[in-house]
Amino acid sequence: MRHQHTPLSRFGSPKAGIFRPFPGHPILLAETFVDPARFRGTCYRAAGWQFLGQTRGFAKRRPGYVAHGQPKLLLVRPLHPEARARLTAKADSSNGCAR
């Protein structure tokens, strides 16, 4: 049973491959940010998301970044079985794409 408001519900199944904004370029990884002052990310962790660390507490504002002093937790979830290998592969110098 799928619940409407659980993490990844808007992405569908990781194996479904529904989001393909560019043909031949699958989305390999989903990321989310959690405010530790309000939440612990328990649902994300239970759903298989991996904690990578904390942000430095900056927000993107034109023309650059502004420090707001509220670091967020960064969690990711691979959406492809080879996500780590593809994201850490050396880029092909002829077109800038990883092999």
N, C-alpha and C. Protein backbone atom coordinates (compact mmCIF):
# COMPACT_ATOMS: atom_id res chain seq x y z
N MET A 1 0.84 -1.18 0.00
CA MET A 1 0.00 0.00 0.00
C MET A 1 0.88 1.24 0.00
N ARG A 2 0.60 2.17 -0.88
CA ARG A 2 1.38 3.40 -0.98
C ARG A 2 0.60 4.54 -0.37
N HIS A 3 1.26 5.29 0.48
CA HIS A 3 0.63 6.44 1.10
C HIS A 3 1.01 7.69 0.33
N GLN A 4 0.09 8.59 0.24
CA GLN A 4 0.27 9.77 -0.60
C GLN A 4 1.41 10.67 -0.14
N HIS A 5 1.63 10.81 1.15
CA HIS A 5 2.59 11.80 1.62
C HIS A 5 3.87 11.21 2.19
N THR A 6 4.24 10.02 1.77
CA THR A 6 5.49 9.44 2.22
C THR A 6 6.60 9.88 1.28
N PRO A 7 7.86 9.86 1.74
CA PRO A 7 8.96 10.21 0.85
C PRO A 7 8.94 9.32 -0.39
N LEU A 8 9.22 9.87 -1.51
CA LEU A 8 9.24 9.23 -2.82
C LEU A 8 7.87 9.00 -3.42
N SER A 9 6.78 9.33 -2.72
CA SER A 9 5.46 9.11 -3.31
C SER A 9 5.29 9.96 -4.57
N ARG A 10 5.90 11.14 -4.60
CA ARG A 10 5.76 11.97 -5.79
C ARG A 10 6.71 11.54 -6.89
N PHE A 11 7.68 10.69 -6.58
CA PHE A 11 8.60 10.19 -7.60
C PHE A 11 8.10 8.87 -8.19
N GLY A 12 7.16 8.23 -7.53
CA GLY A 12 6.74 6.90 -7.94
C GLY A 12 7.78 5.90 -7.51
N SER A 13 7.74 4.74 -8.08
CA SER A 13 8.70 3.70 -7.73
C SER A 13 10.06 4.06 -8.30
N PRO A 14 11.15 3.83 -7.52
CA PRO A 14 12.48 4.12 -8.06
C PRO A 14 12.77 3.34 -9.34
N LYS A 15 12.15 2.17 -9.49
CA LYS A 15 12.41 1.34 -10.68
C LYS A 15 11.49 1.70 -11.84
N ALA A 16 10.49 2.53 -11.57
CA ALA A 16 9.52 2.84 -12.61
C ALA A 16 10.11 3.69 -13.72
N GLY A 17 11.09 4.53 -13.38
CA GLY A 17 11.72 5.37 -14.40
C GLY A 17 10.78 6.38 -15.02
N ILE A 18 9.85 6.90 -14.24
CA ILE A 18 8.86 7.81 -14.81
C ILE A 18 9.41 9.19 -15.12
N PHE A 19 10.35 9.67 -14.34
CA PHE A 19 10.90 11.00 -14.59
C PHE A 19 12.11 10.88 -15.50
N ARG A 20 11.96 11.25 -16.74
CA ARG A 20 13.06 11.25 -17.68
C ARG A 20 13.01 12.58 -18.44
N PRO A 21 13.53 13.64 -17.81
CA PRO A 21 13.43 14.95 -18.46
C PRO A 21 14.22 15.03 -19.76
N PHE A 22 15.29 14.25 -19.88
CA PHE A 22 16.09 14.23 -21.09
C PHE A 22 16.26 12.78 -21.51
N PRO A 23 15.84 12.41 -22.70
CA PRO A 23 15.98 11.01 -23.14
C PRO A 23 17.42 10.53 -23.03
N GLY A 24 17.60 9.36 -22.48
CA GLY A 24 18.93 8.79 -22.33
C GLY A 24 19.66 9.25 -21.09
N HIS A 25 19.07 10.13 -20.30
CA HIS A 25 19.69 10.65 -19.08
C HIS A 25 18.75 10.43 -17.90
N PRO A 26 18.79 9.24 -17.30
CA PRO A 26 17.88 8.97 -16.19
C PRO A 26 18.27 9.75 -14.94
N ILE A 27 17.31 10.02 -14.10
CA ILE A 27 17.61 10.62 -12.80
C ILE A 27 18.19 9.52 -11.93
N LEU A 28 19.40 9.73 -11.44
CA LEU A 28 20.11 8.71 -10.70
C LEU A 28 19.93 8.82 -9.20
N LEU A 29 19.67 10.03 -8.71
CA LEU A 29 19.70 10.28 -7.28
C LEU A 29 18.66 11.35 -6.92
N ALA A 30 17.97 11.13 -5.82
CA ALA A 30 17.07 12.16 -5.28
C ALA A 30 17.73 12.73 -4.03
N GLU A 31 17.54 14.03 -3.80
CA GLU A 31 18.09 14.66 -2.61
C GLU A 31 16.99 15.41 -1.89
N THR A 32 17.15 15.54 -0.59
CA THR A 32 16.21 16.33 0.20
C THR A 32 16.97 16.97 1.35
N PHE A 33 16.42 18.06 1.84
CA PHE A 33 17.01 18.79 2.95
C PHE A 33 16.00 18.82 4.09
N VAL A 34 16.46 18.55 5.31
CA VAL A 34 15.59 18.51 6.48
C VAL A 34 16.11 19.52 7.50
N ASP A 35 15.20 20.31 8.06
CA ASP A 35 15.56 21.28 9.09
C ASP A 35 15.64 20.56 10.43
N PRO A 36 16.85 20.35 10.98
CA PRO A 36 16.99 19.59 12.23
C PRO A 36 16.40 20.29 13.45
N ALA A 37 16.12 21.59 13.34
CA ALA A 37 15.47 22.30 14.44
C ALA A 37 14.01 21.88 14.56
N ARG A 38 13.45 21.33 13.47
CA ARG A 38 12.04 20.94 13.46
C ARG A 38 11.82 19.44 13.29
N PHE A 39 12.71 18.77 12.56
CA PHE A 39 12.52 17.36 12.23
C PHE A 39 13.83 16.59 12.34
N ARG A 40 13.74 15.27 12.41
CA ARG A 40 14.94 14.43 12.46
C ARG A 40 15.14 13.62 11.18
N GLY A 41 14.19 13.67 10.29
CA GLY A 41 14.31 12.91 9.04
C GLY A 41 14.01 11.44 9.21
N THR A 42 13.26 11.08 10.24
CA THR A 42 12.99 9.68 10.56
C THR A 42 12.30 8.95 9.41
N CYS A 43 11.31 9.56 8.80
CA CYS A 43 10.59 8.90 7.70
C CYS A 43 11.49 8.68 6.49
N TYR A 44 12.34 9.67 6.22
CA TYR A 44 13.27 9.51 5.10
C TYR A 44 14.25 8.37 5.37
N ARG A 45 14.80 8.33 6.56
CA ARG A 45 15.75 7.26 6.90
C ARG A 45 15.09 5.90 6.86
N ALA A 46 13.85 5.81 7.34
CA ALA A 46 13.12 4.54 7.31
C ALA A 46 12.82 4.10 5.89
N ALA A 47 12.71 5.06 4.98
CA ALA A 47 12.43 4.75 3.58
C ALA A 47 13.70 4.48 2.78
N GLY A 48 14.86 4.43 3.46
CA GLY A 48 16.09 4.07 2.77
C GLY A 48 16.96 5.23 2.33
N TRP A 49 16.62 6.46 2.72
CA TRP A 49 17.45 7.60 2.38
C TRP A 49 18.72 7.55 3.22
N GLN A 50 19.82 8.03 2.65
CA GLN A 50 21.12 8.00 3.33
C GLN A 50 21.53 9.41 3.73
N PHE A 51 21.96 9.55 4.97
CA PHE A 51 22.43 10.84 5.49
C PHE A 51 23.83 11.10 4.95
N LEU A 52 24.04 12.25 4.32
CA LEU A 52 25.36 12.61 3.78
C LEU A 52 26.07 13.64 4.64
N GLY A 53 25.33 14.45 5.37
CA GLY A 53 25.96 15.48 6.19
C GLY A 53 25.03 16.66 6.34
N GLN A 54 25.61 17.78 6.76
CA GLN A 54 24.85 19.01 6.94
C GLN A 54 25.32 20.08 5.97
N THR A 55 24.39 20.95 5.61
CA THR A 55 24.77 22.11 4.82
C THR A 55 25.49 23.11 5.73
N ARG A 56 26.01 24.16 5.15
CA ARG A 56 26.72 25.16 5.95
C ARG A 56 25.81 26.31 6.38
N GLY A 57 24.52 26.23 6.09
CA GLY A 57 23.59 27.26 6.53
C GLY A 57 23.52 28.46 5.62
N PHE A 58 23.52 28.22 4.31
CA PHE A 58 23.42 29.29 3.33
C PHE A 58 22.16 29.10 2.49
N ALA A 59 21.63 30.19 1.98
CA ALA A 59 20.49 30.15 1.06
C ALA A 59 20.92 30.82 -0.24
N LYS A 60 20.39 30.32 -1.35
CA LYS A 60 20.71 30.92 -2.64
C LYS A 60 19.80 32.11 -2.89
N ARG A 61 20.40 33.25 -3.04
CA ARG A 61 19.70 34.49 -3.33
C ARG A 61 20.48 35.22 -4.42
N ARG A 62 19.76 35.91 -5.27
CA ARG A 62 20.46 36.66 -6.31
C ARG A 62 21.29 37.74 -5.68
N PRO A 63 22.47 37.94 -6.04
CA PRO A 63 23.26 37.30 -7.09
C PRO A 63 24.09 36.12 -6.62
N GLY A 64 23.96 35.68 -5.38
CA GLY A 64 24.79 34.57 -4.90
C GLY A 64 24.15 33.87 -3.72
N TYR A 65 24.91 33.71 -2.64
CA TYR A 65 24.44 33.02 -1.45
C TYR A 65 24.48 33.93 -0.24
N VAL A 66 23.55 33.70 0.69
CA VAL A 66 23.45 34.49 1.91
C VAL A 66 23.45 33.52 3.10
N ALA A 67 24.28 33.81 4.10
CA ALA A 67 24.32 32.97 5.30
C ALA A 67 23.09 33.23 6.15
N HIS A 68 22.35 32.17 6.49
CA HIS A 68 21.20 32.33 7.37
C HIS A 68 21.42 31.62 8.70
N GLY A 69 22.51 30.85 8.80
CA GLY A 69 22.87 30.22 10.06
C GLY A 69 21.99 29.07 10.50
N GLN A 70 21.22 28.48 9.59
CA GLN A 70 20.36 27.35 9.91
C GLN A 70 20.73 26.16 9.03
N PRO A 71 21.76 25.40 9.41
CA PRO A 71 22.17 24.26 8.59
C PRO A 71 21.04 23.22 8.47
N LYS A 72 20.98 22.57 7.34
CA LYS A 72 19.98 21.53 7.09
C LYS A 72 20.70 20.19 6.96
N LEU A 73 19.97 19.11 7.23
CA LEU A 73 20.49 17.77 7.01
C LEU A 73 20.31 17.45 5.53
N LEU A 74 21.31 16.84 4.93
CA LEU A 74 21.25 16.45 3.53
C LEU A 74 21.11 14.94 3.47
N LEU A 75 20.02 14.47 2.84
CA LEU A 75 19.79 13.05 2.66
C LEU A 75 19.60 12.76 1.18
N VAL A 76 20.08 11.61 0.73
CA VAL A 76 19.95 11.22 -0.68
C VAL A 76 19.40 9.80 -0.76
N ARG A 77 18.82 9.50 -1.92
CA ARG A 77 18.34 8.14 -2.18
C ARG A 77 18.65 7.80 -3.62
N PRO A 78 19.46 6.75 -3.82
CA PRO A 78 19.73 6.32 -5.20
C PRO A 78 18.44 5.85 -5.86
N LEU A 79 18.22 6.25 -7.10
CA LEU A 79 17.05 5.84 -7.86
C LEU A 79 17.42 4.86 -8.97
N HIS A 80 18.69 4.55 -9.07
CA HIS A 80 19.20 3.65 -10.11
C HIS A 80 20.21 2.72 -9.44
N PRO A 81 20.23 1.44 -9.78
CA PRO A 81 21.16 0.52 -9.13
C PRO A 81 22.63 0.89 -9.31
N GLU A 82 22.97 1.60 -10.37
CA GLU A 82 24.36 1.99 -10.63
C GLU A 82 24.60 3.47 -10.35
N ALA A 83 23.78 4.07 -9.50
CA ALA A 83 23.88 5.52 -9.26
C ALA A 83 25.27 5.92 -8.78
N ARG A 84 25.80 5.24 -7.77
CA ARG A 84 27.10 5.61 -7.22
C ARG A 84 28.19 5.47 -8.27
N ALA A 85 28.20 4.37 -8.99
CA ALA A 85 29.23 4.14 -10.00
C ALA A 85 29.16 5.19 -11.11
N ARG A 86 27.96 5.50 -11.56
CA ARG A 86 27.82 6.49 -12.64
C ARG A 86 28.18 7.90 -12.19
N LEU A 87 27.82 8.25 -10.96
CA LEU A 87 28.10 9.60 -10.48
C LEU A 87 29.56 9.81 -10.13
N THR A 88 30.30 8.73 -9.87
CA THR A 88 31.71 8.87 -9.52
C THR A 88 32.64 8.48 -10.67
N ALA A 89 32.06 8.13 -11.83
CA ALA A 89 32.87 7.75 -12.99
C ALA A 89 33.58 8.96 -13.57
N LYS A 90 34.71 8.71 -14.19
CA LYS A 90 35.42 9.80 -14.87
C LYS A 90 34.61 10.26 -16.05
N ALA A 91 34.66 11.57 -16.32
CA ALA A 91 33.92 12.14 -17.44
C ALA A 91 34.64 11.84 -18.74
N ASP A 92 33.87 11.62 -19.78
CA ASP A 92 34.40 11.44 -21.13
C ASP A 92 34.80 12.84 -21.61
N SER A 93 36.07 13.03 -21.92
CA SER A 93 36.56 14.37 -22.27
C SER A 93 35.96 14.91 -23.57
N SER A 94 35.46 14.03 -24.43
CA SER A 94 34.93 14.52 -25.70
C SER A 94 33.57 15.20 -25.54
N ASN A 95 32.75 14.75 -24.58
CA ASN A 95 31.44 15.36 -24.44
C ASN A 95 31.09 15.73 -23.00
N GLY A 96 32.00 15.50 -22.05
CA GLY A 96 31.76 15.87 -20.66
C GLY A 96 30.84 14.93 -19.91
N CYS A 97 30.45 13.82 -20.52
CA CYS A 97 29.54 12.89 -19.88
C CYS A 97 30.31 11.72 -19.27
N ALA A 98 29.80 11.22 -18.15
CA ALA A 98 30.41 10.03 -17.54
C ALA A 98 30.03 8.80 -18.34
N ARG A 99 30.97 7.90 -18.44
CA ARG A 99 30.70 6.66 -19.16
C ARG A 99 29.99 5.67 -18.29
